[in-house]
Amino acid sequence: MVCDPIADMFTRIRNALMVQHESVIIPHSKLKESLCKILTQEGFLESYSVTEDNAFKRSISVGLKYRQDKSPAIRTLKRISKSSKRVYVPFSQIPKVNSGFGLVFVSTSKGVLSGKAARLAKVGGELIGSVH
């Protein structure tokens, strides 16, 4: 049993990037799927697809992205809000990661958004994690 599924997802991606795998498989949830969608749109992941293992179990196959020099596109992927300490911010205090070159995930009333999209929509929420 996994206590924090999002931290487990981030760890699986980090570990696969360290050994330069082409892809990694993670258990499916709607939150994880929306995080993969944002990471793919922002150019940190190559692709993702939801696969049906059987009638009751689904998983997400994540295609990892590397630069020309074989270094990973994701340098840092970390969890901000944890199960022991939740971090909530209004839209005016959503942080900019790595001087705007990074990305922060915000769980809002309008769904999971990137920090930039949450600031434009003027909604705050829980900071899930950051990547750069």
Protein backbone atom coordinates (compact mmCIF):
# COMPACT_ATOMS: atom_id res chain seq x y z
CA MET A 1 0.00 0.00 0.00
CA VAL A 2 1.33 3.42 -0.97
CA CYS A 3 0.77 6.21 1.55
CA ASP A 4 1.32 9.08 -0.92
CA PRO A 5 0.53 8.09 -4.54
CA ILE A 6 1.73 11.40 -6.03
CA ALA A 7 5.12 11.15 -4.30
CA ASP A 8 5.31 7.56 -5.57
CA MET A 9 4.62 8.76 -9.13
CA PHE A 10 7.33 11.43 -8.87
CA THR A 11 9.80 8.88 -7.49
CA ARG A 12 9.08 6.40 -10.30
CA ILE A 13 9.70 9.11 -12.91
CA ARG A 14 12.91 10.30 -11.19
CA ASN A 15 14.26 6.74 -10.91
CA ALA A 16 13.48 5.95 -14.56
CA LEU A 17 15.21 9.16 -15.67
CA MET A 18 18.33 8.33 -13.65
CA VAL A 19 18.80 5.02 -15.50
CA GLN A 20 17.67 6.55 -18.83
CA HIS A 21 14.63 4.38 -19.47
CA GLU A 22 12.45 5.19 -22.48
CA SER A 23 9.22 4.93 -20.49
CA VAL A 24 7.81 4.11 -17.07
CA ILE A 25 4.49 2.58 -15.99
CA ILE A 26 2.58 4.03 -13.02
CA PRO A 27 -0.80 3.08 -11.51
CA HIS A 28 -3.68 5.18 -12.84
CA SER A 29 -5.69 7.87 -11.09
CA LYS A 30 -7.40 10.96 -12.48
CA LEU A 31 -5.00 13.24 -10.60
CA LYS A 32 -1.92 11.45 -11.96
CA GLU A 33 -3.38 11.57 -15.47
CA SER A 34 -3.93 15.33 -15.22
CA LEU A 35 -0.36 15.82 -13.94
CA CYS A 36 0.97 13.82 -16.91
CA LYS A 37 -1.17 15.91 -19.26
CA ILE A 38 0.31 19.16 -17.90
CA LEU A 39 3.88 17.80 -18.01
CA THR A 40 3.38 16.71 -21.64
CA GLN A 41 1.85 20.04 -22.68
CA GLU A 42 4.71 21.97 -21.07
CA GLY A 43 7.35 19.80 -22.77
CA PHE A 44 8.76 17.91 -19.78
CA LEU A 45 7.44 14.51 -20.96
CA GLU A 46 7.41 13.00 -24.45
CA SER A 47 3.95 11.42 -24.18
CA TYR A 48 1.60 9.46 -21.96
CA SER A 49 -1.17 6.95 -22.55
CA VAL A 50 -3.70 5.20 -20.34
CA THR A 51 -3.72 1.41 -20.75
CA GLU A 52 -6.30 -1.10 -19.56
CA ASP A 53 -4.55 -3.99 -17.79
CA ASN A 54 -7.81 -5.82 -17.18
CA ALA A 55 -11.44 -4.92 -16.51
CA PHE A 56 -10.65 -3.31 -13.15
CA LYS A 57 -7.07 -2.11 -13.35
CA ARG A 58 -5.63 0.74 -15.43
CA SER A 59 -2.14 2.18 -15.66
CA ILE A 60 -0.39 5.13 -17.28
CA SER A 61 2.55 4.56 -19.59
CA VAL A 62 4.74 7.68 -19.53
CA GLY A 63 7.24 8.36 -22.33
CA LEU A 64 10.26 10.16 -20.90
CA LYS A 65 11.97 13.03 -22.71
CA TYR A 66 15.71 13.61 -23.07
CA ARG A 67 17.76 16.42 -24.59
CA GLN A 68 20.31 16.09 -27.43
CA ASP A 69 23.14 15.41 -24.95
CA LYS A 70 21.12 12.52 -23.37
CA SER A 71 20.38 14.52 -20.21
CA PRO A 72 16.79 14.33 -18.89
CA ALA A 73 14.35 17.15 -19.66
CA ILE A 74 13.31 17.02 -15.97
CA ARG A 75 16.11 18.02 -13.61
CA THR A 76 14.08 18.35 -10.40
CA LEU A 77 10.67 16.87 -9.62
CA LYS A 78 9.54 17.31 -6.02
CA ARG A 79 6.44 17.21 -3.88
CA ILE A 80 5.50 20.43 -2.07
CA SER A 81 2.27 19.63 -0.22
CA LYS A 82 2.56 16.40 1.75
CA SER A 83 0.05 14.34 3.66
CA SER A 84 1.62 15.56 6.92
CA LYS A 85 1.61 19.24 5.90
CA ARG A 86 -0.72 20.63 3.25
CA VAL A 87 0.31 23.90 1.57
CA TYR A 88 -2.45 26.21 0.31
CA VAL A 89 -1.89 29.56 -1.41
CA PRO A 90 -4.03 32.29 -2.97
CA PHE A 91 -3.45 32.96 -6.66
CA SER A 92 -1.34 36.05 -5.91
CA GLN A 93 1.19 33.95 -3.95
CA ILE A 94 1.67 31.04 -6.38
CA PRO A 95 5.46 30.72 -6.69
CA LYS A 96 7.43 30.97 -9.92
CA VAL A 97 9.88 28.07 -10.16
CA ASN A 98 13.40 28.65 -11.50
CA SER A 99 12.65 32.24 -12.62
CA GLY A 100 9.70 31.12 -14.75
CA PHE A 101 11.49 28.22 -16.49
CA GLY A 102 9.96 25.68 -14.11
CA LEU A 103 6.43 24.66 -13.39
CA VAL A 104 4.31 24.31 -10.26
CA PHE A 105 1.14 22.17 -10.03
CA VAL A 106 -1.88 23.65 -8.25
CA SER A 107 -5.00 21.69 -7.32
CA THR A 108 -7.83 24.23 -7.65
CA SER A 109 -11.61 24.23 -7.73
CA LYS A 110 -11.26 24.23 -11.54
CA GLY A 111 -9.10 21.09 -11.53
CA VAL A 112 -5.34 20.63 -11.55
CA LEU A 113 -3.65 23.57 -13.28
CA SER A 114 -0.13 24.79 -13.85
CA GLY A 115 0.89 27.79 -11.76
CA LYS A 116 0.69 30.11 -14.76
CA ALA A 117 -2.81 28.91 -15.69
CA ALA A 118 -3.99 29.26 -12.07
CA ARG A 119 -2.68 32.85 -11.91
CA LEU A 120 -4.45 33.70 -15.18
CA ALA A 121 -7.69 32.12 -13.94
CA LYS A 122 -7.22 33.95 -10.61
CA VAL A 123 -7.74 30.82 -8.50
CA GLY A 124 -5.58 29.55 -5.68
CA GLY A 125 -5.40 26.12 -4.15
CA GLU A 126 -3.11 23.40 -2.89
CA LEU A 127 0.45 23.32 -4.22
CA ILE A 128 1.02 19.71 -5.32
CA GLY A 129 4.60 19.82 -6.60
CA SER A 130 7.16 21.52 -8.78
CA VAL A 131 9.35 20.61 -11.74
CA HIS A 132 12.20 22.24 -13.61
